[in-house]
């Protein structure tokens, strides 16, 4: 009996042992490689939008372009991306600053509000500009009318002087006869 307990045979912890009882059979070997592959596929797939993004937000200021927010894993990766897309003479003045998501939201909100204000001002500015143009046209027309009046007044004055001269000359001729 002692020998049977020590050996693993038909009565031990083997696949041929009974499914129930103190020395039940063993489970089949778990294939770990398949599980690892499945997990990797789930992590890499973009189909699951509930998983948070691993990218960080960076505020990039380019002198000729302005400010924008770009997503990247690290500042080094971002610099590499910028090297590919920006000409060398503009690369030196670029500043990169890591910002939090709340600051990125505020950045976009402020940019949107600024744009909306500019659109409203431009519409108001268009109306003001049109009003100024109309006033300028009116002023030009008034000036033309004023100059025409002056010209007519001058012509009238010249005519009256001529007539007076003729009247005097006629009166002198009558006086000499």
C-alpha atoms as a PDB file:
ATOM      1  CA  UNK A   1       0.000   0.000   0.000  1.00  0.00           C
ATOM      2  CA  UNK A   2       2.811   2.462   0.711  1.00  0.00           C
ATOM      3  CA  UNK A   3       4.310   1.788  -2.714  1.00  0.00           C
ATOM      4  CA  UNK A   4       1.032   2.493  -4.511  1.00  0.00           C
ATOM      5  CA  UNK A   5       0.666   5.876  -2.853  1.00  0.00           C
ATOM      6  CA  UNK A   6       4.075   6.979  -3.948  1.00  0.00           C
ATOM      7  CA  UNK A   7       3.872   6.100  -7.616  1.00  0.00           C
ATOM      8  CA  UNK A   8       1.862   7.955 -10.175  1.00  0.00           C
ATOM      9  CA  UNK A   9      -0.003   5.398 -12.160  1.00  0.00           C
ATOM     10  CA  UNK A  10      -3.615   4.528 -12.759  1.00  0.00           C
ATOM     11  CA  UNK A  11      -4.674   5.628  -9.322  1.00  0.00           C
ATOM     12  CA  UNK A  12      -2.596   8.843  -9.059  1.00  0.00           C
ATOM     13  CA  UNK A  13      -2.952  12.389 -10.403  1.00  0.00           C
ATOM     14  CA  UNK A  14      -2.987  11.469 -14.057  1.00  0.00           C
ATOM     15  CA  UNK A  15      -5.377  11.910 -16.961  1.00  0.00           C
ATOM     16  CA  UNK A  16      -6.635   8.362 -16.472  1.00  0.00           C
ATOM     17  CA  UNK A  17      -7.710   9.043 -12.861  1.00  0.00           C
ATOM     18  CA  UNK A  18     -11.380   9.576 -12.000  1.00  0.00           C
ATOM     19  CA  UNK A  19     -12.843  13.027 -12.708  1.00  0.00           C
ATOM     20  CA  UNK A  20     -14.069  13.349  -9.114  1.00  0.00           C
ATOM     21  CA  UNK A  21     -12.584  12.414  -5.812  1.00  0.00           C
ATOM     22  CA  UNK A  22      -9.403  13.183  -3.904  1.00  0.00           C
ATOM     23  CA  UNK A  23      -7.051  12.350  -6.771  1.00  0.00           C
ATOM     24  CA  UNK A  24      -8.998  13.804  -9.717  1.00  0.00           C
ATOM     25  CA  UNK A  25      -7.510  14.079 -13.213  1.00  0.00           C
ATOM     26  CA  UNK A  26      -5.529  17.055 -14.397  1.00  0.00           C
ATOM     27  CA  UNK A  27      -6.662  19.785 -16.769  1.00  0.00           C
ATOM     28  CA  UNK A  28      -5.239  19.996 -20.296  1.00  0.00           C
ATOM     29  CA  UNK A  29      -2.230  22.282 -20.758  1.00  0.00           C
ATOM     30  CA  UNK A  30      -3.194  25.930 -21.269  1.00  0.00           C
ATOM     31  CA  UNK A  31      -1.699  27.376 -24.417  1.00  0.00           C
ATOM     32  CA  UNK A  32      -0.303  30.682 -23.156  1.00  0.00           C
ATOM     33  CA  UNK A  33       1.014  31.904 -26.511  1.00  0.00           C
ATOM     34  CA  UNK A  34      -2.493  32.123 -28.003  1.00  0.00           C
ATOM     35  CA  UNK A  35      -3.738  34.127 -25.003  1.00  0.00           C
ATOM     36  CA  UNK A  36      -0.833  36.564 -25.274  1.00  0.00           C
ATOM     37  CA  UNK A  37      -1.492  37.101 -28.985  1.00  0.00           C
ATOM     38  CA  UNK A  38      -5.187  37.737 -28.348  1.00  0.00           C
ATOM     39  CA  UNK A  39      -4.403  40.304 -25.654  1.00  0.00           C
ATOM     40  CA  UNK A  40      -1.944  42.127 -27.911  1.00  0.00           C
ATOM     41  CA  UNK A  41      -4.489  42.312 -30.705  1.00  0.00           C
ATOM     42  CA  UNK A  42      -7.065  43.821 -28.366  1.00  0.00           C
ATOM     43  CA  UNK A  43      -4.620  46.439 -27.087  1.00  0.00           C
ATOM     44  CA  UNK A  44      -3.437  47.426 -30.556  1.00  0.00           C
ATOM     45  CA  UNK A  45      -6.875  47.585 -32.162  1.00  0.00           C
ATOM     46  CA  UNK A  46      -8.431  51.029 -32.484  1.00  0.00           C
ATOM     47  CA  UNK A  47     -11.926  49.542 -32.542  1.00  0.00           C
ATOM     48  CA  UNK A  48     -12.310  49.949 -28.786  1.00  0.00           C
ATOM     49  CA  UNK A  49     -12.826  53.688 -28.215  1.00  0.00           C
ATOM     50  CA  UNK A  50     -13.380  53.278 -24.476  1.00  0.00           C
ATOM     51  CA  UNK A  51      -9.673  52.668 -23.950  1.00  0.00           C
ATOM     52  CA  UNK A  52      -7.919  55.951 -23.033  1.00  0.00           C
ATOM     53  CA  UNK A  53      -5.451  57.404 -25.510  1.00  0.00           C
ATOM     54  CA  UNK A  54      -1.760  56.899 -24.750  1.00  0.00           C
ATOM     55  CA  UNK A  55      -0.821  60.141 -26.527  1.00  0.00           C
ATOM     56  CA  UNK A  56      -0.008  63.372 -24.699  1.00  0.00           C
ATOM     57  CA  UNK A  57      -0.934  66.865 -25.805  1.00  0.00           C
ATOM     58  CA  UNK A  58       1.784  69.368 -26.668  1.00  0.00           C
ATOM     59  CA  UNK A  59       1.285  73.053 -27.418  1.00  0.00           C
ATOM     60  CA  UNK A  60       3.561  73.862 -30.356  1.00  0.00           C
ATOM     61  CA  UNK A  61       4.373  77.463 -31.276  1.00  0.00           C
ATOM     62  CA  UNK A  62       5.788  77.985 -34.768  1.00  0.00           C
ATOM     63  CA  UNK A  63       6.731  81.614 -35.525  1.00  0.00           C
ATOM     64  CA  UNK A  64       5.301  81.834 -39.058  1.00  0.00           C
ATOM     65  CA  UNK A  65       2.264  79.617 -38.411  1.00  0.00           C
ATOM     66  CA  UNK A  66       1.128  80.326 -34.850  1.00  0.00           C
ATOM     67  CA  UNK A  67       0.101  78.058 -31.987  1.00  0.00           C
ATOM     68  CA  UNK A  68      -1.488  74.643 -32.265  1.00  0.00           C
ATOM     69  CA  UNK A  69      -1.862  71.432 -30.280  1.00  0.00           C
ATOM     70  CA  UNK A  70      -0.276  68.219 -31.510  1.00  0.00           C
ATOM     71  CA  UNK A  71      -0.628  64.753 -29.984  1.00  0.00           C
ATOM     72  CA  UNK A  72       2.468  62.558 -29.518  1.00  0.00           C
ATOM     73  CA  UNK A  73       3.990  59.982 -27.161  1.00  0.00           C
ATOM     74  CA  UNK A  74       6.956  62.161 -26.222  1.00  0.00           C
ATOM     75  CA  UNK A  75       8.590  65.484 -27.093  1.00  0.00           C
ATOM     76  CA  UNK A  76      11.335  63.580 -28.931  1.00  0.00           C
ATOM     77  CA  UNK A  77       8.792  61.856 -31.178  1.00  0.00           C
ATOM     78  CA  UNK A  78       7.087  65.201 -31.787  1.00  0.00           C
ATOM     79  CA  UNK A  79      10.396  66.829 -32.760  1.00  0.00           C
ATOM     80  CA  UNK A  80      11.029  63.983 -35.213  1.00  0.00           C
ATOM     81  CA  UNK A  81       7.604  64.508 -36.798  1.00  0.00           C
ATOM     82  CA  UNK A  82       8.189  68.250 -37.038  1.00  0.00           C
ATOM     83  CA  UNK A  83      11.623  67.719 -38.630  1.00  0.00           C
ATOM     84  CA  UNK A  84       9.933  65.825 -41.443  1.00  0.00           C
ATOM     85  CA  UNK A  85       7.327  68.503 -42.136  1.00  0.00           C
ATOM     86  CA  UNK A  86       8.982  71.864 -41.365  1.00  0.00           C
ATOM     87  CA  UNK A  87      11.777  73.500 -43.320  1.00  0.00           C
ATOM     88  CA  UNK A  88      15.140  73.760 -41.483  1.00  0.00           C
ATOM     89  CA  UNK A  89      15.204  77.576 -41.323  1.00  0.00           C
ATOM     90  CA  UNK A  90      12.007  77.599 -39.228  1.00  0.00           C
ATOM     91  CA  UNK A  91      12.898  74.758 -36.835  1.00  0.00           C
ATOM     92  CA  UNK A  92      15.058  76.766 -34.406  1.00  0.00           C
ATOM     93  CA  UNK A  93      12.287  79.046 -33.149  1.00  0.00           C
ATOM     94  CA  UNK A  94       9.752  76.266 -32.450  1.00  0.00           C
ATOM     95  CA  UNK A  95       8.703  75.909 -28.816  1.00  0.00           C
ATOM     96  CA  UNK A  96       7.074  72.743 -27.467  1.00  0.00           C
ATOM     97  CA  UNK A  97       5.177  72.748 -24.177  1.00  0.00           C
ATOM     98  CA  UNK A  98       3.389  69.790 -22.556  1.00  0.00           C
ATOM     99  CA  UNK A  99      -0.146  70.720 -21.526  1.00  0.00           C
ATOM    100  CA  UNK A 100      -2.913  68.919 -19.701  1.00  0.00           C
ATOM    101  CA  UNK A 101      -6.194  67.976 -21.432  1.00  0.00           C
ATOM    102  CA  UNK A 102      -8.088  70.722 -19.579  1.00  0.00           C
ATOM    103  CA  UNK A 103      -5.630  73.339 -20.862  1.00  0.00           C
ATOM    104  CA  UNK A 104      -5.970  71.940 -24.397  1.00  0.00           C
ATOM    105  CA  UNK A 105      -9.749  72.281 -24.147  1.00  0.00           C
ATOM    106  CA  UNK A 106      -9.376  75.873 -22.915  1.00  0.00           C
ATOM    107  CA  UNK A 107      -6.939  76.600 -25.774  1.00  0.00           C
ATOM    108  CA  UNK A 108      -9.410  75.381 -28.401  1.00  0.00           C
ATOM    109  CA  UNK A 109     -12.334  77.167 -26.716  1.00  0.00           C
ATOM    110  CA  UNK A 110     -10.434  80.474 -26.567  1.00  0.00           C
ATOM    111  CA  UNK A 111      -9.332  80.103 -30.187  1.00  0.00           C
ATOM    112  CA  UNK A 112     -12.929  79.442 -31.267  1.00  0.00           C
ATOM    113  CA  UNK A 113     -14.284  82.415 -29.298  1.00  0.00           C
ATOM    114  CA  UNK A 114     -11.594  84.711 -30.700  1.00  0.00           C
ATOM    115  CA  UNK A 115     -12.482  83.602 -34.218  1.00  0.00           C
ATOM    116  CA  UNK A 116     -16.183  84.190 -33.599  1.00  0.00           C
ATOM    117  CA  UNK A 117     -15.481  87.692 -32.235  1.00  0.00           C
ATOM    118  CA  UNK A 118     -13.384  88.518 -35.310  1.00  0.00           C
ATOM    119  CA  UNK A 119     -16.164  87.390 -37.617  1.00  0.00           C
ATOM    120  CA  UNK A 120     -18.660  89.608 -35.791  1.00  0.00           C
ATOM    121  CA  UNK A 121     -16.247  92.553 -35.827  1.00  0.00           C
ATOM    122  CA  UNK A 122     -15.606  92.058 -39.525  1.00  0.00           C
ATOM    123  CA  UNK A 123     -19.347  92.100 -40.217  1.00  0.00           C
ATOM    124  CA  UNK A 124     -19.681  95.268 -38.133  1.00  0.00           C
ATOM    125  CA  UNK A 125     -16.519  96.585 -39.774  1.00  0.00           C
ATOM    126  CA  UNK A 126     -18.000  95.943 -43.219  1.00  0.00           C
ATOM    127  CA  UNK A 127     -21.064  97.960 -42.323  1.00  0.00           C
ATOM    128  CA  UNK A 128     -18.933 100.749 -40.897  1.00  0.00           C
ATOM    129  CA  UNK A 129     -16.711 100.723 -43.968  1.00  0.00           C
ATOM    130  CA  UNK A 130     -19.736 100.856 -46.271  1.00  0.00           C
ATOM    131  CA  UNK A 131     -21.130 103.777 -44.262  1.00  0.00           C
ATOM    132  CA  UNK A 132     -17.783 105.604 -44.499  1.00  0.00           C
ATOM    133  CA  UNK A 133     -17.647 104.993 -48.245  1.00  0.00           C
ATOM    134  CA  UNK A 134     -21.185 106.327 -48.631  1.00  0.00           C
ATOM    135  CA  UNK A 135     -20.268 109.411 -46.578  1.00  0.00           C
ATOM    136  CA  UNK A 136     -17.159 109.935 -48.697  1.00  0.00           C
ATOM    137  CA  UNK A 137     -19.214 109.676 -51.910  1.00  0.00           C
ATOM    138  CA  UNK A 138     -21.716 112.176 -50.514  1.00  0.00           C
ATOM    139  CA  UNK A 139     -18.886 114.535 -49.551  1.00  0.00           C
ATOM    140  CA  UNK A 140     -17.373 114.236 -53.043  1.00  0.00           C
ATOM    141  CA  UNK A 141     -20.743 114.981 -54.674  1.00  0.00           C
ATOM    142  CA  UNK A 142     -21.287 117.972 -52.344  1.00  0.00           C
ATOM    143  CA  UNK A 143     -17.860 119.287 -53.269  1.00  0.00           C
ATOM    144  CA  UNK A 144     -18.637 118.869 -56.981  1.00  0.00           C
ATOM    145  CA  UNK A 145     -21.917 120.735 -56.542  1.00  0.00           C
ATOM    146  CA  UNK A 146     -20.146 123.474 -54.546  1.00  0.00           C
ATOM    147  CA  UNK A 147     -17.492 123.851 -57.262  1.00  0.00           C
ATOM    148  CA  UNK A 148     -20.207 123.974 -59.931  1.00  0.00           C
ATOM    149  CA  UNK A 149     -21.997 126.709 -57.918  1.00  0.00           C
ATOM    150  CA  UNK A 150     -18.757 128.674 -57.640  1.00  0.00           C
ATOM    151  CA  UNK A 151     -18.132 128.303 -61.384  1.00  0.00           C
ATOM    152  CA  UNK A 152     -21.666 129.434 -62.219  1.00  0.00           C
ATOM    153  CA  UNK A 153     -21.363 132.372 -59.774  1.00  0.00           C
ATOM    154  CA  UNK A 154     -18.087 133.362 -61.444  1.00  0.00           C
ATOM    155  CA  UNK A 155     -19.656 133.108 -64.916  1.00  0.00           C
ATOM    156  CA  UNK A 156     -22.616 135.187 -63.721  1.00  0.00           C
ATOM    157  CA  UNK A 157     -20.284 137.797 -62.246  1.00  0.00           C
ATOM    158  CA  UNK A 158     -18.283 137.947 -65.516  1.00  0.00           C
ATOM    159  CA  UNK A 159     -21.498 138.312 -67.552  1.00  0.00           C
ATOM    160  CA  UNK A 160     -22.817 141.095 -65.332  1.00  0.00           C
ATOM    161  CA  UNK A 161     -19.474 142.908 -65.520  1.00  0.00           C
ATOM    162  CA  UNK A 162     -19.551 142.602 -69.317  1.00  0.00           C
ATOM    163  CA  UNK A 163     -23.084 143.910 -69.487  1.00  0.00           C
ATOM    164  CA  UNK A 164     -22.244 146.819 -67.165  1.00  0.00           C
ATOM    165  CA  UNK A 165     -19.207 147.596 -69.310  1.00  0.00           C
ATOM    166  CA  UNK A 166     -21.324 147.508 -72.428  1.00  0.00           C
ATOM    167  CA  UNK A 167     -23.946 149.664 -70.760  1.00  0.00           C
ATOM    168  CA  UNK A 168     -21.287 152.212 -69.729  1.00  0.00           C
ATOM    169  CA  UNK A 169     -19.707 152.132 -73.154  1.00  0.00           C
ATOM    170  CA  UNK A 170     -23.130 152.635 -74.724  1.00  0.00           C
ATOM    171  CA  UNK A 171     -23.894 155.488 -72.331  1.00  0.00           C
ATOM    172  CA  UNK A 172     -20.569 157.166 -73.119  1.00  0.00           C
ATOM    173  CA  UNK A 173     -21.236 156.861 -76.836  1.00  0.00           C
ATOM    174  CA  UNK A 174     -24.638 158.450 -76.380  1.00  0.00           C
ATOM    175  CA  UNK A 175     -23.124 161.251 -74.300  1.00  0.00           C
ATOM    176  CA  UNK A 176     -20.530 162.103 -76.969  1.00  0.00           C
ATOM    177  CA  UNK A 177     -23.109 162.452 -79.728  1.00  0.00           C
END
